C-alpha atoms as a PDB file:
ATOM      1  CA  UNK A   1     -15.841  -4.984 -15.823  1.00  0.00           C
ATOM      2  CA  UNK A   2     -18.955  -4.267 -17.815  1.00  0.00           C
ATOM      3  CA  UNK A   3     -20.345  -0.831 -18.508  1.00  0.00           C
ATOM      4  CA  UNK A   4     -22.244  -0.884 -15.224  1.00  0.00           C
ATOM      5  CA  UNK A   5     -21.495   1.910 -12.768  1.00  0.00           C
ATOM      6  CA  UNK A   6     -20.467  -0.592 -10.119  1.00  0.00           C
ATOM      7  CA  UNK A   7     -19.785  -4.293  -9.603  1.00  0.00           C
ATOM      8  CA  UNK A   8     -20.523  -6.329  -6.467  1.00  0.00           C
ATOM      9  CA  UNK A   9     -18.498  -9.374  -5.467  1.00  0.00           C
ATOM     10  CA  UNK A  10     -19.268 -10.731  -2.022  1.00  0.00           C
ATOM     11  CA  UNK A  11     -18.985  -7.831   0.408  1.00  0.00           C
ATOM     12  CA  UNK A  12     -16.880  -5.746  -1.986  1.00  0.00           C
ATOM     13  CA  UNK A  13     -18.232  -3.113  -4.328  1.00  0.00           C
ATOM     14  CA  UNK A  14     -16.031  -1.896  -7.159  1.00  0.00           C
ATOM     15  CA  UNK A  15     -17.064   1.353  -8.782  1.00  0.00           C
ATOM     16  CA  UNK A  16     -15.870   2.969 -11.960  1.00  0.00           C
ATOM     17  CA  UNK A  17     -12.736   4.962 -11.122  1.00  0.00           C
ATOM     18  CA  UNK A  18     -11.692   2.826  -8.137  1.00  0.00           C
ATOM     19  CA  UNK A  19      -8.031   1.811  -7.966  1.00  0.00           C
ATOM     20  CA  UNK A  20      -7.348  -1.938  -7.892  1.00  0.00           C
ATOM     21  CA  UNK A  21      -3.962  -3.307  -6.828  1.00  0.00           C
ATOM     22  CA  UNK A  22      -2.956  -6.950  -6.592  1.00  0.00           C
ATOM     23  CA  UNK A  23       0.080  -9.072  -5.865  1.00  0.00           C
ATOM     24  CA  UNK A  24       0.827 -12.607  -4.703  1.00  0.00           C
ATOM     25  CA  UNK A  25      -0.739 -11.886  -1.315  1.00  0.00           C
ATOM     26  CA  UNK A  26      -4.088 -10.640  -2.578  1.00  0.00           C
ATOM     27  CA  UNK A  27      -6.040  -7.788  -4.103  1.00  0.00           C
ATOM     28  CA  UNK A  28      -7.232  -4.509  -2.623  1.00  0.00           C
ATOM     29  CA  UNK A  29      -9.804  -2.062  -3.971  1.00  0.00           C
ATOM     30  CA  UNK A  30      -9.150   1.580  -3.077  1.00  0.00           C
ATOM     31  CA  UNK A  31     -12.191   3.833  -3.455  1.00  0.00           C
ATOM     32  CA  UNK A  32     -11.587   6.632  -5.944  1.00  0.00           C
ATOM     33  CA  UNK A  33     -12.313   9.280  -3.297  1.00  0.00           C
ATOM     34  CA  UNK A  34      -9.280   8.309  -1.207  1.00  0.00           C
ATOM     35  CA  UNK A  35      -6.896   7.030  -3.899  1.00  0.00           C
ATOM     36  CA  UNK A  36      -4.654  10.147  -3.897  1.00  0.00           C
ATOM     37  CA  UNK A  37      -4.194  10.050  -0.106  1.00  0.00           C
ATOM     38  CA  UNK A  38      -3.548   6.288  -0.136  1.00  0.00           C
ATOM     39  CA  UNK A  39      -0.914   6.645  -2.861  1.00  0.00           C
ATOM     40  CA  UNK A  40       0.882   9.429  -0.970  1.00  0.00           C
ATOM     41  CA  UNK A  41       0.903   7.344   2.222  1.00  0.00           C
ATOM     42  CA  UNK A  42       2.107   4.254   0.333  1.00  0.00           C
ATOM     43  CA  UNK A  43       5.019   6.233  -1.098  1.00  0.00           C
ATOM     44  CA  UNK A  44       5.920   7.397   2.427  1.00  0.00           C
ATOM     45  CA  UNK A  45       5.876   3.799   3.683  1.00  0.00           C
ATOM     46  CA  UNK A  46       8.072   2.604   0.811  1.00  0.00           C
ATOM     47  CA  UNK A  47      10.548   5.414   1.530  1.00  0.00           C
ATOM     48  CA  UNK A  48      10.686   4.485   5.218  1.00  0.00           C
ATOM     49  CA  UNK A  49      11.116   0.783   4.409  1.00  0.00           C
ATOM     50  CA  UNK A  50      13.978   1.679   2.067  1.00  0.00           C
ATOM     51  CA  UNK A  51      15.637   3.675   4.860  1.00  0.00           C
ATOM     52  CA  UNK A  52      15.350   0.687   7.209  1.00  0.00           C
ATOM     53  CA  UNK A  53      16.759  -1.625   4.548  1.00  0.00           C
ATOM     54  CA  UNK A  54      19.648   0.751   3.885  1.00  0.00           C
ATOM     55  CA  UNK A  55      20.457   1.018   7.605  1.00  0.00           C
ATOM     56  CA  UNK A  56      20.471  -2.757   8.009  1.00  0.00           C
ATOM     57  CA  UNK A  57      22.747  -3.175   4.986  1.00  0.00           C
ATOM     58  CA  UNK A  58      25.083  -0.613   6.583  1.00  0.00           C
ATOM     59  CA  UNK A  59      25.313  -2.787   9.702  1.00  0.00           C
ATOM     60  CA  UNK A  60      22.613  -1.345  11.969  1.00  0.00           C
ATOM     61  CA  UNK A  61      20.839  -4.026  14.014  1.00  0.00           C
ATOM     62  CA  UNK A  62      17.311  -4.563  12.593  1.00  0.00           C
ATOM     63  CA  UNK A  63      15.645  -3.732  15.924  1.00  0.00           C
ATOM     64  CA  UNK A  64      17.599  -0.487  16.152  1.00  0.00           C
ATOM     65  CA  UNK A  65      16.688   0.376  12.563  1.00  0.00           C
ATOM     66  CA  UNK A  66      13.038  -0.255  13.432  1.00  0.00           C
ATOM     67  CA  UNK A  67      13.260   1.946  16.513  1.00  0.00           C
ATOM     68  CA  UNK A  68      14.764   4.748  14.469  1.00  0.00           C
ATOM     69  CA  UNK A  69      12.394   4.514  11.490  1.00  0.00           C
ATOM     70  CA  UNK A  70       9.322   2.855  12.993  1.00  0.00           C
ATOM     71  CA  UNK A  71       8.711   0.264  10.294  1.00  0.00           C
ATOM     72  CA  UNK A  72      10.175  -2.884   8.770  1.00  0.00           C
END
């Protein structure tokens, strides 16, 4: 990104300080104002997904693990 305060690409505006994350499925731009809250929520989701994975590996049916933890 250049020294400009923001960059426009299609309908997306990227501003200095925004958080950009990408993987094989795509890219997301998280506005700097909400980055801390998004990161906290993402960590909660990863924890829950790990609990579901652990339950399934311990023999719990996937649907039951979902019902207990609320996420795959």
